[in-house]
Amino acid sequence: MKVNKLIARLVLSVHAALLAIGLLSIVIVLIFPQMAYAVLVLPLLSVVQWLIFKDHCLLTDLENKYLKQSGQGGYSGGCIRHYLWKWASIERSDQQVDYILYGYVGILILIIVLQKTI
């Protein structure tokens, strides 16, 4: 049981790290413009995994699997929505979180395109 809980926390930590890197990507691109294409890898991988796993996040599914095996039970919906509520009492739907993230990626792409054309 403890091993499953530890694995679930590890998966959550990886998920949180990827989200943090994603959120810092605009700052990274503005400070280090030469990193522009490298920064795009994370959003592109997210889209590819979303297409492959049919609107399910592999990391969320893994976390839920190990939470259930540890006896804690999983959660429904997306990881970001779940932890926004759990840690910050901010309630948003999965669709709202998706719109915010896709908007953010759109802004990132726009910044990169503008940097390359100026």
PDB file of N, CA and C in Angstrom:
ATOM      1  N   MET A   1       0.818  -1.202   0.000  1.00  0.00           N
ATOM      2  CA  MET A   1       0.000   0.000   0.000  1.00  0.00           C
ATOM      3  C   MET A   1       0.862   1.266   0.000  1.00  0.00           C
ATOM      4  N   LYS A   2       1.883   1.300   0.850  1.00  0.00           N
ATOM      5  CA  LYS A   2       2.728   2.487   0.910  1.00  0.00           C
ATOM      6  C   LYS A   2       3.473   2.713  -0.395  1.00  0.00           C
ATOM      7  N   VAL A   3       3.865   1.640  -1.054  1.00  0.00           N
ATOM      8  CA  VAL A   3       4.575   1.765  -2.326  1.00  0.00           C
ATOM      9  C   VAL A   3       3.662   2.408  -3.365  1.00  0.00           C
ATOM     10  N   ASN A   4       2.395   1.986  -3.408  1.00  0.00           N
ATOM     11  CA  ASN A   4       1.452   2.559  -4.367  1.00  0.00           C
ATOM     12  C   ASN A   4       1.217   4.042  -4.094  1.00  0.00           C
ATOM     13  N   LYS A   5       1.127   4.414  -2.834  1.00  0.00           N
ATOM     14  CA  LYS A   5       0.942   5.826  -2.486  1.00  0.00           C
ATOM     15  C   LYS A   5       2.172   6.633  -2.903  1.00  0.00           C
ATOM     16  N   LEU A   6       3.338   6.071  -2.693  1.00  0.00           N
ATOM     17  CA  LEU A   6       4.583   6.727  -3.090  1.00  0.00           C
ATOM     18  C   LEU A   6       4.652   6.892  -4.608  1.00  0.00           C
ATOM     19  N   ILE A   7       4.261   5.865  -5.340  1.00  0.00           N
ATOM     20  CA  ILE A   7       4.253   5.947  -6.805  1.00  0.00           C
ATOM     21  C   ILE A   7       3.252   7.006  -7.265  1.00  0.00           C
ATOM     22  N   ALA A   8       2.071   7.050  -6.637  1.00  0.00           N
ATOM     23  CA  ALA A   8       1.069   8.061  -6.987  1.00  0.00           C
ATOM     24  C   ALA A   8       1.622   9.465  -6.755  1.00  0.00           C
ATOM     25  N   ARG A   9       2.322   9.662  -5.658  1.00  0.00           N
ATOM     26  CA  ARG A   9       2.922  10.978  -5.383  1.00  0.00           C
ATOM     27  C   ARG A   9       4.027  11.300  -6.379  1.00  0.00           C
ATOM     28  N   LEU A  10       4.783  10.295  -6.773  1.00  0.00           N
ATOM     29  CA  LEU A  10       5.833  10.493  -7.768  1.00  0.00           C
ATOM     30  C   LEU A  10       5.227  10.913  -9.110  1.00  0.00           C
ATOM     31  N   VAL A  11       4.155  10.245  -9.510  1.00  0.00           N
ATOM     32  CA  VAL A  11       3.469  10.601 -10.759  1.00  0.00           C
ATOM     33  C   VAL A  11       2.940  12.029 -10.667  1.00  0.00           C
ATOM     34  N   LEU A  12       2.346  12.385  -9.524  1.00  0.00           N
ATOM     35  CA  LEU A  12       1.857  13.752  -9.330  1.00  0.00           C
ATOM     36  C   LEU A  12       3.011  14.751  -9.406  1.00  0.00           C
ATOM     37  N   SER A  13       4.149  14.416  -8.839  1.00  0.00           N
ATOM     38  CA  SER A  13       5.308  15.309  -8.879  1.00  0.00           C
ATOM     39  C   SER A  13       5.788  15.532 -10.309  1.00  0.00           C
ATOM     40  N   VAL A  14       5.821  14.467 -11.095  1.00  0.00           N
ATOM     41  CA  VAL A  14       6.203  14.592 -12.505  1.00  0.00           C
ATOM     42  C   VAL A  14       5.188  15.465 -13.237  1.00  0.00           C
ATOM     43  N   HIS A  15       3.915  15.234 -12.967  1.00  0.00           N
ATOM     44  CA  HIS A  15       2.845  16.011 -13.583  1.00  0.00           C
ATOM     45  C   HIS A  15       2.995  17.492 -13.224  1.00  0.00           C
ATOM     46  N   ALA A  16       3.230  17.770 -11.951  1.00  0.00           N
ATOM     47  CA  ALA A  16       3.385  19.153 -11.492  1.00  0.00           C
ATOM     48  C   ALA A  16       4.619  19.806 -12.113  1.00  0.00           C
ATOM     49  N   ALA A  17       5.703  19.051 -12.231  1.00  0.00           N
ATOM     50  CA  ALA A  17       6.921  19.591 -12.843  1.00  0.00           C
ATOM     51  C   ALA A  17       6.690  19.934 -14.315  1.00  0.00           C
ATOM     52  N   LEU A  18       6.008  19.058 -15.031  1.00  0.00           N
ATOM     53  CA  LEU A  18       5.707  19.331 -16.442  1.00  0.00           C
ATOM     54  C   LEU A  18       4.811  20.555 -16.584  1.00  0.00           C
ATOM     55  N   LEU A  19       3.840  20.688 -15.695  1.00  0.00           N
ATOM     56  CA  LEU A  19       2.961  21.860 -15.724  1.00  0.00           C
ATOM     57  C   LEU A  19       3.753  23.131 -15.425  1.00  0.00           C
ATOM     58  N   ALA A  20       4.627  23.077 -14.429  1.00  0.00           N
ATOM     59  CA  ALA A  20       5.442  24.245 -14.085  1.00  0.00           C
ATOM     60  C   ALA A  20       6.335  24.654 -15.255  1.00  0.00           C
ATOM     61  N   ILE A  21       6.961  23.679 -15.888  1.00  0.00           N
ATOM     62  CA  ILE A  21       7.798  23.975 -17.056  1.00  0.00           C
ATOM     63  C   ILE A  21       6.943  24.591 -18.160  1.00  0.00           C
ATOM     64  N   GLY A  22       5.758  24.024 -18.363  1.00  0.00           N
ATOM     65  CA  GLY A  22       4.857  24.570 -19.375  1.00  0.00           C
ATOM     66  C   GLY A  22       4.462  26.006 -19.079  1.00  0.00           C
ATOM     67  N   LEU A  23       4.166  26.287 -17.818  1.00  0.00           N
ATOM     68  CA  LEU A  23       3.760  27.642 -17.446  1.00  0.00           C
ATOM     69  C   LEU A  23       4.922  28.628 -17.506  1.00  0.00           C
ATOM     70  N   LEU A  24       6.112  28.150 -17.266  1.00  0.00           N
ATOM     71  CA  LEU A  24       7.293  29.016 -17.340  1.00  0.00           C
ATOM     72  C   LEU A  24       7.819  29.174 -18.765  1.00  0.00           C
ATOM     73  N   SER A  25       7.237  28.463 -19.705  1.00  0.00           N
ATOM     74  CA  SER A  25       7.770  28.451 -21.067  1.00  0.00           C
ATOM     75  C   SER A  25       7.766  29.828 -21.720  1.00  0.00           C
ATOM     76  N   ILE A  26       6.758  30.644 -21.465  1.00  0.00           N
ATOM     77  CA  ILE A  26       6.746  31.990 -22.056  1.00  0.00           C
ATOM     78  C   ILE A  26       7.912  32.804 -21.511  1.00  0.00           C
ATOM     79  N   VAL A  27       8.137  32.718 -20.214  1.00  0.00           N
ATOM     80  CA  VAL A  27       9.266  33.432 -19.613  1.00  0.00           C
ATOM     81  C   VAL A  27      10.583  32.922 -20.199  1.00  0.00           C
ATOM     82  N   ILE A  28      10.699  31.619 -20.342  1.00  0.00           N
ATOM     83  CA  ILE A  28      11.916  31.019 -20.910  1.00  0.00           C
ATOM     84  C   ILE A  28      12.152  31.536 -22.326  1.00  0.00           C
ATOM     85  N   VAL A  29      11.099  31.577 -23.133  1.00  0.00           N
ATOM     86  CA  VAL A  29      11.229  32.037 -24.521  1.00  0.00           C
ATOM     87  C   VAL A  29      11.588  33.519 -24.577  1.00  0.00           C
ATOM     88  N   LEU A  30      11.029  34.308 -23.676  1.00  0.00           N
ATOM     89  CA  LEU A  30      11.339  35.740 -23.685  1.00  0.00           C
ATOM     90  C   LEU A  30      12.782  36.008 -23.251  1.00  0.00           C
ATOM     91  N   ILE A  31      13.276  35.234 -22.308  1.00  0.00           N
ATOM     92  CA  ILE A  31      14.648  35.426 -21.828  1.00  0.00           C
ATOM     93  C   ILE A  31      15.663  34.756 -22.754  1.00  0.00           C
ATOM     94  N   PHE A  32      15.333  33.564 -23.230  1.00  0.00           N
ATOM     95  CA  PHE A  32      16.232  32.792 -24.094  1.00  0.00           C
ATOM     96  C   PHE A  32      15.524  32.462 -25.409  1.00  0.00           C
ATOM     97  N   PRO A  33      15.469  33.405 -26.349  1.00  0.00           N
ATOM     98  CA  PRO A  33      14.749  33.164 -27.604  1.00  0.00           C
ATOM     99  C   PRO A  33      15.255  31.949 -28.381  1.00  0.00           C
ATOM    100  N   GLN A  34      16.523  31.588 -28.202  1.00  0.00           N
ATOM    101  CA  GLN A  34      17.068  30.431 -28.912  1.00  0.00           C
ATOM    102  C   GLN A  34      16.455  29.120 -28.426  1.00  0.00           C
ATOM    103  N   MET A  35      15.739  29.139 -27.303  1.00  0.00           N
ATOM    104  CA  MET A  35      15.085  27.941 -26.756  1.00  0.00           C
ATOM    105  C   MET A  35      13.663  27.759 -27.297  1.00  0.00           C
ATOM    106  N   ALA A  36      13.255  28.616 -28.215  1.00  0.00           N
ATOM    107  CA  ALA A  36      11.860  28.643 -28.668  1.00  0.00           C
ATOM    108  C   ALA A  36      11.356  27.284 -29.135  1.00  0.00           C
ATOM    109  N   TYR A  37      12.097  26.636 -29.993  1.00  0.00           N
ATOM    110  CA  TYR A  37      11.612  25.365 -30.532  1.00  0.00           C
ATOM    111  C   TYR A  37      11.661  24.249 -29.490  1.00  0.00           C
ATOM    112  N   ALA A  38      12.635  24.286 -28.621  1.00  0.00           N
ATOM    113  CA  ALA A  38      12.711  23.282 -27.555  1.00  0.00           C
ATOM    114  C   ALA A  38      11.510  23.399 -26.620  1.00  0.00           C
ATOM    115  N   VAL A  39      11.081  24.624 -26.367  1.00  0.00           N
ATOM    116  CA  VAL A  39       9.948  24.859 -25.468  1.00  0.00           C
ATOM    117  C   VAL A  39       8.650  24.330 -26.078  1.00  0.00           C
ATOM    118  N   LEU A  40       8.565  24.289 -27.384  1.00  0.00           N
ATOM    119  CA  LEU A  40       7.349  23.800 -28.047  1.00  0.00           C
ATOM    120  C   LEU A  40       7.173  22.289 -27.941  1.00  0.00           C
ATOM    121  N   VAL A  41       8.222  21.575 -27.579  1.00  0.00           N
ATOM    122  CA  VAL A  41       8.141  20.113 -27.497  1.00  0.00           C
ATOM    123  C   VAL A  41       7.087  19.675 -26.481  1.00  0.00           C
ATOM    124  N   LEU A  42       7.067  20.293 -25.314  1.00  0.00           N
ATOM    125  CA  LEU A  42       6.124  19.891 -24.268  1.00  0.00           C
ATOM    126  C   LEU A  42       4.661  20.049 -24.695  1.00  0.00           C
ATOM    127  N   PRO A  43       4.251  21.204 -25.225  1.00  0.00           N
ATOM    128  CA  PRO A  43       2.856  21.297 -25.678  1.00  0.00           C
ATOM    129  C   PRO A  43       2.531  20.324 -26.810  1.00  0.00           C
ATOM    130  N   LEU A  44       3.476  20.112 -27.713  1.00  0.00           N
ATOM    131  CA  LEU A  44       3.224  19.174 -28.811  1.00  0.00           C
ATOM    132  C   LEU A  44       3.067  17.749 -28.296  1.00  0.00           C
ATOM    133  N   LEU A  45       3.890  17.354 -27.344  1.00  0.00           N
ATOM    134  CA  LEU A  45       3.745  16.026 -26.744  1.00  0.00           C
ATOM    135  C   LEU A  45       2.409  15.890 -26.019  1.00  0.00           C
ATOM    136  N   SER A  46       1.963  16.963 -25.390  1.00  0.00           N
ATOM    137  CA  SER A  46       0.665  16.936 -24.708  1.00  0.00           C
ATOM    138  C   SER A  46      -0.467  16.700 -25.695  1.00  0.00           C
ATOM    139  N   VAL A  47      -0.406  17.377 -26.831  1.00  0.00           N
ATOM    140  CA  VAL A  47      -1.443  17.198 -27.848  1.00  0.00           C
ATOM    141  C   VAL A  47      -1.402  15.777 -28.405  1.00  0.00           C
ATOM    142  N   VAL A  48      -0.211  15.272 -28.683  1.00  0.00           N
ATOM    143  CA  VAL A  48      -0.075  13.914 -29.219  1.00  0.00           C
ATOM    144  C   VAL A  48      -0.621  12.884 -28.233  1.00  0.00           C
ATOM    145  N   GLN A  49      -0.267  13.002 -26.957  1.00  0.00           N
ATOM    146  CA  GLN A  49      -0.776  12.033 -25.977  1.00  0.00           C
ATOM    147  C   GLN A  49      -2.281  12.165 -25.820  1.00  0.00           C
ATOM    148  N   TRP A  50      -2.805  13.385 -25.948  1.00  0.00           N
ATOM    149  CA  TRP A  50      -4.250  13.599 -25.856  1.00  0.00           C
ATOM    150  C   TRP A  50      -4.953  12.887 -27.014  1.00  0.00           C
ATOM    151  N   LEU A  51      -4.363  12.957 -28.209  1.00  0.00           N
ATOM    152  CA  LEU A  51      -4.951  12.283 -29.366  1.00  0.00           C
ATOM    153  C   LEU A  51      -4.853  10.764 -29.234  1.00  0.00           C
ATOM    154  N   ILE A  52      -3.721  10.282 -28.761  1.00  0.00           N
ATOM    155  CA  ILE A  52      -3.522   8.835 -28.626  1.00  0.00           C
ATOM    156  C   ILE A  52      -4.430   8.242 -27.558  1.00  0.00           C
ATOM    157  N   PHE A  53      -4.530   8.904 -26.421  1.00  0.00           N
ATOM    158  CA  PHE A  53      -5.284   8.352 -25.294  1.00  0.00           C
ATOM    159  C   PHE A  53      -6.725   8.847 -25.236  1.00  0.00           C
ATOM    160  N   LYS A  54      -7.195   9.455 -26.313  1.00  0.00           N
ATOM    161  CA  LYS A  54      -8.602   9.842 -26.458  1.00  0.00           C
ATOM    162  C   LYS A  54      -9.093  10.706 -25.295  1.00  0.00           C
ATOM    163  N   ASP A  55      -8.512  11.872 -25.147  1.00  0.00           N
ATOM    164  CA  ASP A  55      -8.954  12.859 -24.168  1.00  0.00           C
ATOM    165  C   ASP A  55      -8.668  12.440 -22.723  1.00  0.00           C
ATOM    166  N   HIS A  56      -7.759  11.505 -22.532  1.00  0.00           N
ATOM    167  CA  HIS A  56      -7.332  11.111 -21.187  1.00  0.00           C
ATOM    168  C   HIS A  56      -5.847  11.404 -21.060  1.00  0.00           C
ATOM    169  N   CYS A  57      -5.460  11.885 -19.906  1.00  0.00           N
ATOM    170  CA  CYS A  57      -4.048  12.129 -19.651  1.00  0.00           C
ATOM    171  C   CYS A  57      -3.434  10.873 -19.046  1.00  0.00           C
ATOM    172  N   LEU A  58      -2.373  10.411 -19.639  1.00  0.00           N
ATOM    173  CA  LEU A  58      -1.695   9.207 -19.166  1.00  0.00           C
ATOM    174  C   LEU A  58      -1.265   9.353 -17.706  1.00  0.00           C
ATOM    175  N   LEU A  59      -0.729  10.507 -17.353  1.00  0.00           N
ATOM    176  CA  LEU A  59      -0.260  10.700 -15.977  1.00  0.00           C
ATOM    177  C   LEU A  59      -1.413  10.724 -14.978  1.00  0.00           C
ATOM    178  N   THR A  60      -2.528  11.336 -15.347  1.00  0.00           N
ATOM    179  CA  THR A  60      -3.698  11.334 -14.460  1.00  0.00           C
ATOM    180  C   THR A  60      -4.210   9.916 -14.273  1.00  0.00           C
ATOM    181  N   ASP A  61      -4.278   9.164 -15.358  1.00  0.00           N
ATOM    182  CA  ASP A  61      -4.728   7.767 -15.262  1.00  0.00           C
ATOM    183  C   ASP A  61      -3.794   6.939 -14.382  1.00  0.00           C
ATOM    184  N   LEU A  62      -2.478   7.143 -14.535  1.00  0.00           N
ATOM    185  CA  LEU A  62      -1.515   6.419 -13.700  1.00  0.00           C
ATOM    186  C   LEU A  62      -1.659   6.799 -12.225  1.00  0.00           C
ATOM    187  N   GLU A  63      -1.794   8.090 -11.975  1.00  0.00           N
ATOM    188  CA  GLU A  63      -1.953   8.537 -10.585  1.00  0.00           C
ATOM    189  C   GLU A  63      -3.202   7.922  -9.964  1.00  0.00           C
ATOM    190  N   ASN A  64      -4.311   7.965 -10.690  1.00  0.00           N
ATOM    191  CA  ASN A  64      -5.555   7.386 -10.176  1.00  0.00           C
ATOM    192  C   ASN A  64      -5.418   5.888  -9.924  1.00  0.00           C
ATOM    193  N   LYS A  65      -4.734   5.205 -10.813  1.00  0.00           N
ATOM    194  CA  LYS A  65      -4.528   3.760 -10.643  1.00  0.00           C
ATOM    195  C   LYS A  65      -3.821   3.474  -9.320  1.00  0.00           C
ATOM    196  N   TYR A  66      -2.743   4.195  -9.058  1.00  0.00           N
ATOM    197  CA  TYR A  66      -1.973   3.936  -7.839  1.00  0.00           C
ATOM    198  C   TYR A  66      -2.662   4.480  -6.590  1.00  0.00           C
ATOM    199  N   LEU A  67      -3.436   5.548  -6.731  1.00  0.00           N
ATOM    200  CA  LEU A  67      -4.225   6.020  -5.584  1.00  0.00           C
ATOM    201  C   LEU A  67      -5.255   4.971  -5.181  1.00  0.00           C
ATOM    202  N   LYS A  68      -5.916   4.390  -6.172  1.00  0.00           N
ATOM    203  CA  LYS A  68      -6.916   3.351  -5.879  1.00  0.00           C
ATOM    204  C   LYS A  68      -6.262   2.118  -5.267  1.00  0.00           C
ATOM    205  N   GLN A  69      -5.107   1.734  -5.794  1.00  0.00           N
ATOM    206  CA  GLN A  69      -4.410   0.563  -5.253  1.00  0.00           C
ATOM    207  C   GLN A  69      -3.902   0.800  -3.832  1.00  0.00           C
ATOM    208  N   SER A  70      -3.680   2.070  -3.478  1.00  0.00           N
ATOM    209  CA  SER A  70      -3.217   2.371  -2.121  1.00  0.00           C
ATOM    210  C   SER A  70      -4.379   2.492  -1.144  1.00  0.00           C
ATOM    211  N   GLY A  71      -5.616   2.386  -1.673  1.00  0.00           N
ATOM    212  CA  GLY A  71      -6.790   2.458  -0.813  1.00  0.00           C
ATOM    213  C   GLY A  71      -7.335   3.858  -0.629  1.00  0.00           C
ATOM    214  N   GLN A  72      -6.751   4.849  -1.282  1.00  0.00           N
ATOM    215  CA  GLN A  72      -7.218   6.226  -1.143  1.00  0.00           C
ATOM    216  C   GLN A  72      -8.340   6.561  -2.112  1.00  0.00           C
ATOM    217  N   GLY A  73      -8.515   5.773  -3.126  1.00  0.00           N
ATOM    218  CA  GLY A  73      -9.497   6.103  -4.153  1.00  0.00           C
ATOM    219  C   GLY A  73      -8.928   7.176  -5.058  1.00  0.00           C
ATOM    220  N   GLY A  74      -9.389   7.210  -6.265  1.00  0.00           N
ATOM    221  CA  GLY A  74      -8.904   8.203  -7.215  1.00  0.00           C
ATOM    222  C   GLY A  74      -9.795   9.423  -7.226  1.00  0.00           C
ATOM    223  N   TYR A  75      -9.712  10.170  -8.283  1.00  0.00           N
ATOM    224  CA  TYR A  75     -10.572  11.334  -8.465  1.00  0.00           C
ATOM    225  C   TYR A  75     -11.050  11.345  -9.901  1.00  0.00           C
ATOM    226  N   SER A  76     -12.172  12.005 -10.112  1.00  0.00           N
ATOM    227  CA  SER A  76     -12.701  12.098 -11.475  1.00  0.00           C
ATOM    228  C   SER A  76     -12.233  13.409 -12.085  1.00  0.00           C
ATOM    229  N   GLY A  77     -12.202  13.443 -13.385  1.00  0.00           N
ATOM    230  CA  GLY A  77     -11.794  14.659 -14.069  1.00  0.00           C
ATOM    231  C   GLY A  77     -10.284  14.772 -14.165  1.00  0.00           C
ATOM    232  N   GLY A  78      -9.852  15.960 -14.543  1.00  0.00           N
ATOM    233  CA  GLY A  78      -8.437  16.190 -14.769  1.00  0.00           C
ATOM    234  C   GLY A  78      -7.662  16.513 -13.507  1.00  0.00           C
ATOM    235  N   CYS A  79      -6.381  16.293 -13.594  1.00  0.00           N
ATOM    236  CA  CYS A  79      -5.468  16.521 -12.474  1.00  0.00           C
ATOM    237  C   CYS A  79      -5.441  17.999 -12.074  1.00  0.00           C
ATOM    238  N   ILE A  80      -5.316  18.874 -13.055  1.00  0.00           N
ATOM    239  CA  ILE A  80      -5.215  20.301 -12.751  1.00  0.00           C
ATOM    240  C   ILE A  80      -6.480  20.778 -12.063  1.00  0.00           C
ATOM    241  N   ARG A  81      -7.636  20.411 -12.583  1.00  0.00           N
ATOM    242  CA  ARG A  81      -8.902  20.810 -11.970  1.00  0.00           C
ATOM    243  C   ARG A  81      -8.998  20.279 -10.550  1.00  0.00           C
ATOM    244  N   HIS A  82      -8.639  19.025 -10.367  1.00  0.00           N
ATOM    245  CA  HIS A  82      -8.728  18.397  -9.048  1.00  0.00           C
ATOM    246  C   HIS A  82      -7.855  19.124  -8.023  1.00  0.00           C
ATOM    247  N   TYR A  83      -6.606  19.377  -8.389  1.00  0.00           N
ATOM    248  CA  TYR A  83      -5.694  19.984  -7.423  1.00  0.00           C
ATOM    249  C   TYR A  83      -5.891  21.487  -7.288  1.00  0.00           C
ATOM    250  N   LEU A  84      -6.442  22.160  -8.290  1.00  0.00           N
ATOM    251  CA  LEU A  84      -6.831  23.562  -8.104  1.00  0.00           C
ATOM    252  C   LEU A  84      -7.850  23.669  -6.977  1.00  0.00           C
ATOM    253  N   TRP A  85      -8.794  22.731  -6.969  1.00  0.00           N
ATOM    254  CA  TRP A  85      -9.815  22.731  -5.924  1.00  0.00           C
ATOM    255  C   TRP A  85      -9.217  22.306  -4.587  1.00  0.00           C
ATOM    256  N   LYS A  86      -8.453  21.236  -4.600  1.00  0.00           N
ATOM    257  CA  LYS A  86      -7.916  20.679  -3.352  1.00  0.00           C
ATOM    258  C   LYS A  86      -6.947  21.639  -2.666  1.00  0.00           C
ATOM    259  N   TRP A  87      -6.074  22.280  -3.420  1.00  0.00           N
ATOM    260  CA  TRP A  87      -5.034  23.110  -2.829  1.00  0.00           C
ATOM    261  C   TRP A  87      -5.390  24.589  -2.759  1.00  0.00           C
ATOM    262  N   ALA A  88      -6.245  25.075  -3.671  1.00  0.00           N
ATOM    263  CA  ALA A  88      -6.514  26.514  -3.717  1.00  0.00           C
ATOM    264  C   ALA A  88      -7.994  26.858  -3.660  1.00  0.00           C
ATOM    265  N   SER A  89      -8.856  25.869  -3.535  1.00  0.00           N
ATOM    266  CA  SER A  89     -10.313  26.065  -3.504  1.00  0.00           C
ATOM    267  C   SER A  89     -10.813  26.838  -4.717  1.00  0.00           C
ATOM    268  N   ILE A  90     -10.165  26.628  -5.859  1.00  0.00           N
ATOM    269  CA  ILE A  90     -10.594  27.239  -7.114  1.00  0.00           C
ATOM    270  C   ILE A  90     -11.322  26.168  -7.903  1.00  0.00           C
ATOM    271  N   GLU A  91     -12.596  26.415  -8.169  1.00  0.00           N
ATOM    272  CA  GLU A  91     -13.390  25.411  -8.873  1.00  0.00           C
ATOM    273  C   GLU A  91     -13.534  25.794 -10.339  1.00  0.00           C
ATOM    274  N   ARG A  92     -13.059  24.939 -11.197  1.00  0.00           N
ATOM    275  CA  ARG A  92     -13.158  25.107 -12.646  1.00  0.00           C
ATOM    276  C   ARG A  92     -13.502  23.756 -13.249  1.00  0.00           C
ATOM    277  N   SER A  93     -14.158  23.799 -14.398  1.00  0.00           N
ATOM    278  CA  SER A  93     -14.449  22.545 -15.100  1.00  0.00           C
ATOM    279  C   SER A  93     -13.209  22.136 -15.893  1.00  0.00           C
ATOM    280  N   ASP A  94     -13.169  20.877 -16.285  1.00  0.00           N
ATOM    281  CA  ASP A  94     -12.065  20.408 -17.127  1.00  0.00           C
ATOM    282  C   ASP A  94     -12.004  21.207 -18.419  1.00  0.00           C
ATOM    283  N   GLN A  95     -13.174  21.540 -18.961  1.00  0.00           N
ATOM    284  CA  GLN A  95     -13.220  22.295 -20.211  1.00  0.00           C
ATOM    285  C   GLN A  95     -12.622  23.697 -20.019  1.00  0.00           C
ATOM    286  N   GLN A  96     -12.914  24.347 -18.894  1.00  0.00           N
ATOM    287  CA  GLN A  96     -12.338  25.664 -18.634  1.00  0.00           C
ATOM    288  C   GLN A  96     -10.817  25.580 -18.505  1.00  0.00           C
ATOM    289  N   VAL A  97     -10.332  24.560 -17.816  1.00  0.00           N
ATOM    290  CA  VAL A  97      -8.883  24.367 -17.680  1.00  0.00           C
ATOM    291  C   VAL A  97      -8.263  24.145 -19.057  1.00  0.00           C
ATOM    292  N   ASP A  98      -8.903  23.330 -19.893  1.00  0.00           N
ATOM    293  CA  ASP A  98      -8.397  23.096 -21.250  1.00  0.00           C
ATOM    294  C   ASP A  98      -8.325  24.397 -22.038  1.00  0.00           C
ATOM    295  N   TYR A  99      -9.377  25.215 -21.974  1.00  0.00           N
ATOM    296  CA  TYR A  99      -9.380  26.486 -22.708  1.00  0.00           C
ATOM    297  C   TYR A  99      -8.239  27.387 -22.245  1.00  0.00           C
ATOM    298  N   ILE A 100      -8.015  27.436 -20.947  1.00  0.00           N
ATOM    299  CA  ILE A 100      -6.936  28.269 -20.418  1.00  0.00           C
ATOM    300  C   ILE A 100      -5.580  27.753 -20.903  1.00  0.00           C
ATOM    301  N   LEU A 101      -5.366  26.452 -20.816  1.00  0.00           N
ATOM    302  CA  LEU A 101      -4.079  25.885 -21.238  1.00  0.00           C
ATOM    303  C   LEU A 101      -3.854  26.035 -22.739  1.00  0.00           C
ATOM    304  N   TYR A 102      -4.885  25.779 -23.539  1.00  0.00           N
ATOM    305  CA  TYR A 102      -4.726  25.913 -24.990  1.00  0.00           C
ATOM    306  C   TYR A 102      -4.535  27.373 -25.379  1.00  0.00           C
ATOM    307  N   GLY A 103      -5.196  28.275 -24.680  1.00  0.00           N
ATOM    308  CA  GLY A 103      -4.975  29.702 -24.906  1.00  0.00           C
ATOM    309  C   GLY A 103      -3.542  30.095 -24.589  1.00  0.00           C
ATOM    310  N   TYR A 104      -3.034  29.553 -23.503  1.00  0.00           N
ATOM    311  CA  TYR A 104      -1.657  29.820 -23.096  1.00  0.00           C
ATOM    312  C   TYR A 104      -0.676  29.311 -24.152  1.00  0.00           C
ATOM    313  N   VAL A 105      -0.909  28.117 -24.651  1.00  0.00           N
ATOM    314  CA  VAL A 105      -0.048  27.558 -25.702  1.00  0.00           C
ATOM    315  C   VAL A 105      -0.151  28.411 -26.964  1.00  0.00           C
ATOM    316  N   GLY A 106      -1.350  28.886 -27.280  1.00  0.00           N
ATOM    317  CA  GLY A 106      -1.525  29.769 -28.433  1.00  0.00           C
ATOM    318  C   GLY A 106      -0.712  31.047 -28.289  1.00  0.00           C
ATOM    319  N   ILE A 107      -0.718  31.628 -27.100  1.00  0.00           N
ATOM    320  CA  ILE A 107       0.080  32.831 -26.840  1.00  0.00           C
ATOM    321  C   ILE A 107       1.568  32.511 -26.980  1.00  0.00           C
ATOM    322  N   LEU A 108       1.984  31.365 -26.466  1.00  0.00           N
ATOM    323  CA  LEU A 108       3.382  30.940 -26.585  1.00  0.00           C
ATOM    324  C   LEU A 108       3.793  30.839 -28.053  1.00  0.00           C
ATOM    325  N   ILE A 109       2.969  30.199 -28.854  1.00  0.00           N
ATOM    326  CA  ILE A 109       3.269  30.050 -30.280  1.00  0.00           C
ATOM    327  C   ILE A 109       3.319  31.411 -30.960  1.00  0.00           C
ATOM    328  N   LEU A 110       2.392  32.291 -30.622  1.00  0.00           N
ATOM    329  CA  LEU A 110       2.376  33.642 -31.195  1.00  0.00           C
ATOM    330  C   LEU A 110       3.660  34.392 -30.848  1.00  0.00           C
ATOM    331  N   ILE A 111       4.089  34.305 -29.609  1.00  0.00           N
ATOM    332  CA  ILE A 111       5.332  34.967 -29.199  1.00  0.00           C
ATOM    333  C   ILE A 111       6.518  34.419 -29.991  1.00  0.00           C
ATOM    334  N   ILE A 112       6.571  33.110 -30.149  1.00  0.00           N
ATOM    335  CA  ILE A 112       7.681  32.496 -30.893  1.00  0.00           C
ATOM    336  C   ILE A 112       7.665  32.943 -32.351  1.00  0.00           C
ATOM    337  N   VAL A 113       6.495  32.942 -32.970  1.00  0.00           N
ATOM    338  CA  VAL A 113       6.384  33.372 -34.370  1.00  0.00           C
ATOM    339  C   VAL A 113       6.798  34.830 -34.510  1.00  0.00           C
ATOM    340  N   LEU A 114       6.338  35.677 -33.601  1.00  0.00           N
ATOM    341  CA  LEU A 114       6.700  37.095 -33.669  1.00  0.00           C
ATOM    342  C   LEU A 114       8.197  37.300 -33.463  1.00  0.00           C
ATOM    343  N   GLN A 115       8.790  36.536 -32.566  1.00  0.00           N
ATOM    344  CA  GLN A 115      10.239  36.648 -32.356  1.00  0.00           C
ATOM    345  C   GLN A 115      11.016  36.249 -33.605  1.00  0.00           C
ATOM    346  N   LYS A 116      10.539  35.235 -34.297  1.00  0.00           N
ATOM    347  CA  LYS A 116      11.253  34.740 -35.474  1.00  0.00           C
ATOM    348  C   LYS A 116      11.085  35.663 -36.675  1.00  0.00           C
ATOM    349  N   THR A 117      10.014  36.459 -36.698  1.00  0.00           N
ATOM    350  CA  THR A 117       9.769  37.332 -37.847  1.00  0.00           C
ATOM    351  C   THR A 117      10.293  38.746 -37.631  1.00  0.00           C
ATOM    352  N   ILE A 118      10.605  39.083 -36.408  1.00  0.00           N
ATOM    353  CA  ILE A 118      11.070  40.459 -36.132  1.00  0.00           C
ATOM    354  C   ILE A 118      12.573  40.530 -36.221  1.00  0.00           C
TER     355      ILE A 118
END
